[in-house]
C-alpha cells in the first residue's frame, strides 16, 4: 500500500487516553501507535457514516469549498 503521509499531527493525550490507544494497538496487533490512531479514526468516521477508505481526500470533508488543486475556489 503506497500512501503519502506528508502531514504530521501532534496530539496531547492524558495517561488514560494513551493507555486506551495502547490497549487498542496491542489487542489488534498493530505495529505502531500511529497505525492504531489511524485505524481508530477510520472506525470513528465509519460509525458516523463517513467512508474513510484509501483514496478519499481530507478536503472532501472540509468546511470550505475547494477547487480541483485543493486551493480555495475563487469563481
PDB file of N, CA and C in Angstrom:
ATOM      1  N   UNK A   1       0.848  -1.170   0.000  1.00  0.00           N
ATOM      2  CA  UNK A   1       0.000   0.000   0.000  1.00  0.00           C
ATOM      3  C   UNK A   1       0.894   1.233   0.000  1.00  0.00           C
ATOM      4  N   UNK A   2       0.797   2.053  -1.022  1.00  0.00           N
ATOM      5  CA  UNK A   2       1.627   3.235  -1.155  1.00  0.00           C
ATOM      6  C   UNK A   2       0.810   4.472  -0.806  1.00  0.00           C
ATOM      7  N   UNK A   3       0.895   4.912   0.435  1.00  0.00           N
ATOM      8  CA  UNK A   3       0.139   6.074   0.887  1.00  0.00           C
ATOM      9  C   UNK A   3       1.094   7.207   1.191  1.00  0.00           C
ATOM     10  N   UNK A   4       0.733   8.404   0.780  1.00  0.00           N
ATOM     11  CA  UNK A   4       1.514   9.571   1.153  1.00  0.00           C
ATOM     12  C   UNK A   4       1.038  10.062   2.505  1.00  0.00           C
ATOM     13  N   UNK A   5       1.962  10.290   3.377  1.00  0.00           N
ATOM     14  CA  UNK A   5       1.628  10.823   4.693  1.00  0.00           C
ATOM     15  C   UNK A   5       2.528  12.028   4.917  1.00  0.00           C
ATOM     16  N   UNK A   6       2.211  13.122   4.251  1.00  0.00           N
ATOM     17  CA  UNK A   6       3.041  14.310   4.312  1.00  0.00           C
ATOM     18  C   UNK A   6       2.721  15.251   5.446  1.00  0.00           C
ATOM     19  N   UNK A   7       1.658  14.970   6.171  1.00  0.00           N
ATOM     20  CA  UNK A   7       1.270  15.859   7.259  1.00  0.00           C
ATOM     21  C   UNK A   7       1.493  15.179   8.598  1.00  0.00           C
ATOM     22  N   UNK A   8       1.996  15.947   9.522  1.00  0.00           N
ATOM     23  CA  UNK A   8       2.199  15.453  10.885  1.00  0.00           C
ATOM     24  C   UNK A   8       1.149  16.110  11.773  1.00  0.00           C
ATOM     25  N   UNK A   9       0.537  15.322  12.635  1.00  0.00           N
ATOM     26  CA  UNK A   9      -0.468  15.812  13.564  1.00  0.00           C
ATOM     27  C   UNK A   9      -0.021  15.461  14.974  1.00  0.00           C
ATOM     28  N   UNK A  10       0.170  16.481  15.779  1.00  0.00           N
ATOM     29  CA  UNK A  10       0.582  16.242  17.161  1.00  0.00           C
ATOM     30  C   UNK A  10      -0.644  16.330  18.048  1.00  0.00           C
ATOM     31  N   UNK A  11      -0.830  15.336  18.899  1.00  0.00           N
ATOM     32  CA  UNK A  11      -1.977  15.289  19.796  1.00  0.00           C
ATOM     33  C   UNK A  11      -1.476  15.015  21.203  1.00  0.00           C
ATOM     34  N   UNK A  12      -1.925  15.812  22.128  1.00  0.00           N
ATOM     35  CA  UNK A  12      -1.582  15.600  23.532  1.00  0.00           C
ATOM     36  C   UNK A  12      -2.662  14.711  24.151  1.00  0.00           C
ATOM     37  N   UNK A  13      -2.248  13.649  24.857  1.00  0.00           N
ATOM     38  CA  UNK A  13      -3.187  12.712  25.457  1.00  0.00           C
ATOM     39  C   UNK A  13      -2.950  12.601  26.955  1.00  0.00           C
ATOM     40  N   UNK A  14      -4.018  12.338  27.673  1.00  0.00           N
ATOM     41  CA  UNK A  14      -3.898  12.036  29.097  1.00  0.00           C
ATOM     42  C   UNK A  14      -3.341  10.623  29.228  1.00  0.00           C
ATOM     43  N   UNK A  15      -2.851  10.265  30.399  1.00  0.00           N
ATOM     44  CA  UNK A  15      -2.364   8.879  30.579  1.00  0.00           C
ATOM     45  C   UNK A  15      -3.446   7.841  30.273  1.00  0.00           C
ATOM     46  N   UNK A  16      -4.696   8.138  30.631  1.00  0.00           N
ATOM     47  CA  UNK A  16      -5.796   7.204  30.367  1.00  0.00           C
ATOM     48  C   UNK A  16      -6.063   7.061  28.862  1.00  0.00           C
ATOM     49  N   UNK A  17      -6.005   8.180  28.138  1.00  0.00           N
ATOM     50  CA  UNK A  17      -6.215   8.122  26.683  1.00  0.00           C
ATOM     51  C   UNK A  17      -5.091   7.347  26.006  1.00  0.00           C
ATOM     52  N   UNK A  18      -3.862   7.579  26.446  1.00  0.00           N
ATOM     53  CA  UNK A  18      -2.729   6.857  25.865  1.00  0.00           C
ATOM     54  C   UNK A  18      -2.839   5.363  26.158  1.00  0.00           C
ATOM     55  N   UNK A  19      -3.286   5.022  27.360  1.00  0.00           N
ATOM     56  CA  UNK A  19      -3.482   3.608  27.699  1.00  0.00           C
ATOM     57  C   UNK A  19      -4.542   2.985  26.791  1.00  0.00           C
ATOM     58  N   UNK A  20      -5.604   3.736  26.477  1.00  0.00           N
ATOM     59  CA  UNK A  20      -6.651   3.225  25.586  1.00  0.00           C
ATOM     60  C   UNK A  20      -6.096   2.993  24.181  1.00  0.00           C
ATOM     61  N   UNK A  21      -5.258   3.914  23.697  1.00  0.00           N
ATOM     62  CA  UNK A  21      -4.625   3.738  22.381  1.00  0.00           C
ATOM     63  C   UNK A  21      -3.745   2.491  22.395  1.00  0.00           C
ATOM     64  N   UNK A  22      -2.936   2.354  23.436  1.00  0.00           N
ATOM     65  CA  UNK A  22      -2.050   1.192  23.522  1.00  0.00           C
ATOM     66  C   UNK A  22      -2.828  -0.112  23.655  1.00  0.00           C
ATOM     67  N   UNK A  23      -3.895  -0.110  24.440  1.00  0.00           N
ATOM     68  CA  UNK A  23      -4.731  -1.308  24.570  1.00  0.00           C
ATOM     69  C   UNK A  23      -5.302  -1.716  23.215  1.00  0.00           C
ATOM     70  N   UNK A  24      -5.829  -0.740  22.468  1.00  0.00           N
ATOM     71  CA  UNK A  24      -6.380  -0.996  21.132  1.00  0.00           C
ATOM     72  C   UNK A  24      -5.271  -1.546  20.228  1.00  0.00           C
ATOM     73  N   UNK A  25      -4.123  -0.886  20.274  1.00  0.00           N
ATOM     74  CA  UNK A  25      -2.995  -1.288  19.425  1.00  0.00           C
ATOM     75  C   UNK A  25      -2.606  -2.736  19.666  1.00  0.00           C
ATOM     76  N   UNK A  26      -2.420  -3.119  20.918  1.00  0.00           N
ATOM     77  CA  UNK A  26      -1.965  -4.471  21.216  1.00  0.00           C
ATOM     78  C   UNK A  26      -3.062  -5.502  20.962  1.00  0.00           C
ATOM     79  N   UNK A  27      -4.303  -5.152  21.272  1.00  0.00           N
ATOM     80  CA  UNK A  27      -5.416  -6.076  21.033  1.00  0.00           C
ATOM     81  C   UNK A  27      -5.551  -6.397  19.545  1.00  0.00           C
ATOM     82  N   UNK A  28      -5.295  -5.392  18.686  1.00  0.00           N
ATOM     83  CA  UNK A  28      -5.433  -5.578  17.241  1.00  0.00           C
ATOM     84  C   UNK A  28      -4.095  -5.818  16.541  1.00  0.00           C
ATOM     85  N   UNK A  29      -3.046  -6.057  17.346  1.00  0.00           N
ATOM     86  CA  UNK A  29      -1.710  -6.374  16.822  1.00  0.00           C
ATOM     87  C   UNK A  29      -1.221  -5.365  15.793  1.00  0.00           C
ATOM     88  N   UNK A  30      -1.343  -4.106  16.140  1.00  0.00           N
ATOM     89  CA  UNK A  30      -0.926  -3.041  15.235  1.00  0.00           C
ATOM     90  C   UNK A  30       0.538  -2.712  15.512  1.00  0.00           C
ATOM     91  N   UNK A  31       1.290  -2.362  14.482  1.00  0.00           N
ATOM     92  CA  UNK A  31       2.740  -2.177  14.658  1.00  0.00           C
ATOM     93  C   UNK A  31       3.124  -0.908  15.416  1.00  0.00           C
ATOM     94  N   UNK A  32       2.320   0.145  15.321  1.00  0.00           N
ATOM     95  CA  UNK A  32       2.686   1.424  15.939  1.00  0.00           C
ATOM     96  C   UNK A  32       1.455   2.113  16.522  1.00  0.00           C
ATOM     97  N   UNK A  33       1.717   3.079  17.390  1.00  0.00           N
ATOM     98  CA  UNK A  33       0.624   3.906  17.904  1.00  0.00           C
ATOM     99  C   UNK A  33      -0.029   4.693  16.767  1.00  0.00           C
ATOM    100  N   UNK A  34       0.775   5.173  15.837  1.00  0.00           N
ATOM    101  CA  UNK A  34       0.237   5.940  14.715  1.00  0.00           C
ATOM    102  C   UNK A  34      -0.750   5.091  13.907  1.00  0.00           C
ATOM    103  N   UNK A  35      -0.397   3.834  13.652  1.00  0.00           N
ATOM    104  CA  UNK A  35      -1.294   2.946  12.915  1.00  0.00           C
ATOM    105  C   UNK A  35      -2.589   2.727  13.694  1.00  0.00           C
ATOM    106  N   UNK A  36      -2.468   2.597  15.009  1.00  0.00           N
ATOM    107  CA  UNK A  36      -3.655   2.407  15.838  1.00  0.00           C
ATOM    108  C   UNK A  36      -4.552   3.635  15.803  1.00  0.00           C
ATOM    109  N   UNK A  37      -3.960   4.803  15.889  1.00  0.00           N
ATOM    110  CA  UNK A  37      -4.748   6.043  15.854  1.00  0.00           C
ATOM    111  C   UNK A  37      -5.427   6.199  14.501  1.00  0.00           C
ATOM    112  N   UNK A  38      -4.708   5.915  13.398  1.00  0.00           N
ATOM    113  CA  UNK A  38      -5.327   5.998  12.066  1.00  0.00           C
ATOM    114  C   UNK A  38      -6.512   5.046  11.965  1.00  0.00           C
ATOM    115  N   UNK A  39      -6.370   3.825  12.496  1.00  0.00           N
ATOM    116  CA  UNK A  39      -7.462   2.851  12.443  1.00  0.00           C
ATOM    117  C   UNK A  39      -8.645   3.308  13.296  1.00  0.00           C
ATOM    118  N   UNK A  40      -8.358   3.859  14.462  1.00  0.00           N
ATOM    119  CA  UNK A  40      -9.447   4.352  15.314  1.00  0.00           C
ATOM    120  C   UNK A  40     -10.169   5.527  14.656  1.00  0.00           C
ATOM    121  N   UNK A  41      -9.428   6.398  13.979  1.00  0.00           N
ATOM    122  CA  UNK A  41     -10.071   7.487  13.247  1.00  0.00           C
ATOM    123  C   UNK A  41     -10.975   6.950  12.144  1.00  0.00           C
ATOM    124  N   UNK A  42     -10.469   5.956  11.408  1.00  0.00           N
ATOM    125  CA  UNK A  42     -11.258   5.354  10.334  1.00  0.00           C
ATOM    126  C   UNK A  42     -12.531   4.713  10.888  1.00  0.00           C
ATOM    127  N   UNK A  43     -12.404   4.000  12.015  1.00  0.00           N
ATOM    128  CA  UNK A  43     -13.572   3.372  12.630  1.00  0.00           C
ATOM    129  C   UNK A  43     -14.562   4.414  13.148  1.00  0.00           C
ATOM    130  N   UNK A  44     -14.048   5.478  13.734  1.00  0.00           N
ATOM    131  CA  UNK A  44     -14.919   6.538  14.229  1.00  0.00           C
ATOM    132  C   UNK A  44     -15.677   7.224  13.108  1.00  0.00           C
ATOM    133  N   UNK A  45     -14.999   7.494  12.003  1.00  0.00           N
ATOM    134  CA  UNK A  45     -15.668   8.101  10.852  1.00  0.00           C
ATOM    135  C   UNK A  45     -16.714   7.158  10.279  1.00  0.00           C
ATOM    136  N   UNK A  46     -16.389   5.869  10.202  1.00  0.00           N
ATOM    137  CA  UNK A  46     -17.356   4.893   9.687  1.00  0.00           C
ATOM    138  C   UNK A  46     -18.593   4.836  10.579  1.00  0.00           C
ATOM    139  N   UNK A  47     -18.401   5.015  11.886  1.00  0.00           N
ATOM    140  CA  UNK A  47     -19.525   4.961  12.828  1.00  0.00           C
ATOM    141  C   UNK A  47     -20.525   6.083  12.592  1.00  0.00           C
ATOM    142  N   UNK A  48     -20.057   7.179  12.014  1.00  0.00           N
ATOM    143  CA  UNK A  48     -20.983   8.285  11.712  1.00  0.00           C
ATOM    144  C   UNK A  48     -21.312   8.364  10.225  1.00  0.00           C
ATOM    145  N   UNK A  49     -20.965   7.291   9.500  1.00  0.00           N
ATOM    146  CA  UNK A  49     -21.384   7.179   8.110  1.00  0.00           C
ATOM    147  C   UNK A  49     -20.447   7.783   7.089  1.00  0.00           C
ATOM    148  N   UNK A  50     -19.198   8.016   7.454  1.00  0.00           N
ATOM    149  CA  UNK A  50     -18.227   8.565   6.507  1.00  0.00           C
ATOM    150  C   UNK A  50     -17.254   7.461   6.119  1.00  0.00           C
ATOM    151  N   UNK A  51     -17.117   7.232   4.815  1.00  0.00           N
ATOM    152  CA  UNK A  51     -16.203   6.213   4.315  1.00  0.00           C
ATOM    153  C   UNK A  51     -14.815   6.826   4.200  1.00  0.00           C
ATOM    154  N   UNK A  52     -13.894   6.381   5.015  1.00  0.00           N
ATOM    155  CA  UNK A  52     -12.545   6.931   5.034  1.00  0.00           C
ATOM    156  C   UNK A  52     -11.542   5.972   4.411  1.00  0.00           C
ATOM    157  N   UNK A  53     -11.971   5.259   3.392  1.00  0.00           N
ATOM    158  CA  UNK A  53     -11.064   4.308   2.742  1.00  0.00           C
ATOM    159  C   UNK A  53      -9.936   5.064   2.032  1.00  0.00           C
ATOM    160  N   UNK A  54      -8.919   4.324   1.662  1.00  0.00           N
ATOM    161  CA  UNK A  54      -7.798   4.926   0.944  1.00  0.00           C
ATOM    162  C   UNK A  54      -8.306   5.601  -0.322  1.00  0.00           C
ATOM    163  N   UNK A  55      -7.765   6.734  -0.617  1.00  0.00           N
ATOM    164  CA  UNK A  55      -8.160   7.469  -1.812  1.00  0.00           C
ATOM    165  C   UNK A  55      -9.157   8.572  -1.535  1.00  0.00           C
ATOM    166  N   UNK A  56      -9.785   8.563  -0.366  1.00  0.00           N
ATOM    167  CA  UNK A  56     -10.691   9.639   0.000  1.00  0.00           C
ATOM    168  C   UNK A  56      -9.835  10.785   0.502  1.00  0.00           C
ATOM    169  N   UNK A  57     -10.036  11.956  -0.064  1.00  0.00           N
ATOM    170  CA  UNK A  57      -9.237  13.114   0.311  1.00  0.00           C
ATOM    171  C   UNK A  57      -9.840  13.813   1.522  1.00  0.00           C
ATOM    172  N   UNK A  58      -8.971  14.282   2.391  1.00  0.00           N
ATOM    173  CA  UNK A  58      -9.464  15.013   3.561  1.00  0.00           C
ATOM    174  C   UNK A  58     -10.232  16.254   3.134  1.00  0.00           C
ATOM    175  N   UNK A  59      -9.901  16.817   1.972  1.00  0.00           N
ATOM    176  CA  UNK A  59     -10.619  18.004   1.506  1.00  0.00           C
ATOM    177  C   UNK A  59     -12.076  17.690   1.171  1.00  0.00           C
ATOM    178  N   UNK A  60     -12.410  16.404   0.978  1.00  0.00           N
ATOM    179  CA  UNK A  60     -13.801  16.014   0.753  1.00  0.00           C
ATOM    180  C   UNK A  60     -14.659  16.271   1.984  1.00  0.00           C
ATOM    181  N   UNK A  61     -14.016  16.397   3.140  1.00  0.00           N
ATOM    182  CA  UNK A  61     -14.737  16.610   4.391  1.00  0.00           C
ATOM    183  C   UNK A  61     -14.529  18.014   4.932  1.00  0.00           C
ATOM    184  N   UNK A  62     -13.959  18.891   4.126  1.00  0.00           N
ATOM    185  CA  UNK A  62     -13.630  20.229   4.586  1.00  0.00           C
ATOM    186  C   UNK A  62     -14.837  21.136   4.739  1.00  0.00           C
ATOM    187  N   UNK A  63     -14.597  22.240   5.395  1.00  0.00           N
ATOM    188  CA  UNK A  63     -15.629  23.241   5.621  1.00  0.00           C
ATOM    189  C   UNK A  63     -15.722  24.178   4.429  1.00  0.00           C
ATOM    190  N   UNK A  64     -14.605  24.475   3.816  1.00  0.00           N
ATOM    191  CA  UNK A  64     -14.549  25.441   2.727  1.00  0.00           C
ATOM    192  C   UNK A  64     -14.622  24.755   1.378  1.00  0.00           C
ATOM    193  N   UNK A  65     -15.208  25.437   0.401  1.00  0.00           N
ATOM    194  CA  UNK A  65     -15.269  24.920  -0.961  1.00  0.00           C
ATOM    195  C   UNK A  65     -13.877  25.012  -1.570  1.00  0.00           C
ATOM    196  N   UNK A  66     -13.354  23.905  -2.038  1.00  0.00           N
ATOM    197  CA  UNK A  66     -12.005  23.856  -2.593  1.00  0.00           C
ATOM    198  C   UNK A  66     -12.066  23.534  -4.083  1.00  0.00           C
ATOM    199  N   UNK A  67     -11.148  24.113  -4.809  1.00  0.00           N
ATOM    200  CA  UNK A  67     -11.037  23.822  -6.226  1.00  0.00           C
ATOM    201  C   UNK A  67     -10.308  22.518  -6.443  1.00  0.00           C
ATOM    202  N   UNK A  68     -10.128  22.107  -7.702  1.00  0.00           N
ATOM    203  CA  UNK A  68      -9.510  20.818  -8.006  1.00  0.00           C
ATOM    204  C   UNK A  68      -8.064  20.698  -7.508  1.00  0.00           C
ATOM    205  N   UNK A  69      -7.382  21.812  -7.370  1.00  0.00           N
ATOM    206  CA  UNK A  69      -5.992  21.742  -6.901  1.00  0.00           C
ATOM    207  C   UNK A  69      -5.902  21.811  -5.381  1.00  0.00           C
ATOM    208  N   UNK A  70      -7.038  21.908  -4.710  1.00  0.00           N
ATOM    209  CA  UNK A  70      -7.027  21.944  -3.265  1.00  0.00           C
ATOM    210  C   UNK A  70      -7.064  23.349  -2.695  1.00  0.00           C
ATOM    211  N   UNK A  71      -6.954  24.333  -3.578  1.00  0.00           N
ATOM    212  CA  UNK A  71      -6.989  25.716  -3.116  1.00  0.00           C
ATOM    213  C   UNK A  71      -8.424  26.236  -3.145  1.00  0.00           C
ATOM    214  N   UNK A  72      -8.645  27.322  -2.435  1.00  0.00           N
ATOM    215  CA  UNK A  72      -9.986  27.914  -2.390  1.00  0.00           C
ATOM    216  C   UNK A  72     -10.427  28.261  -3.798  1.00  0.00           C
ATOM    217  N   UNK A  73     -11.617  27.844  -4.148  1.00  0.00           N
ATOM    218  CA  UNK A  73     -12.198  28.121  -5.466  1.00  0.00           C
ATOM    219  C   UNK A  73     -12.670  29.565  -5.473  1.00  0.00           C
ATOM    220  N   UNK A  74     -12.043  30.381  -6.303  1.00  0.00           N
ATOM    221  CA  UNK A  74     -12.356  31.810  -6.333  1.00  0.00           C
ATOM    222  C   UNK A  74     -13.346  32.173  -7.414  1.00  0.00           C
ATOM    223  N   UNK A  75     -14.053  31.212  -7.968  1.00  0.00           N
ATOM    224  CA  UNK A  75     -15.013  31.516  -9.037  1.00  0.00           C
ATOM    225  C   UNK A  75     -16.309  32.079  -8.490  1.00  0.00           C
TER     226      UNK A  75
END
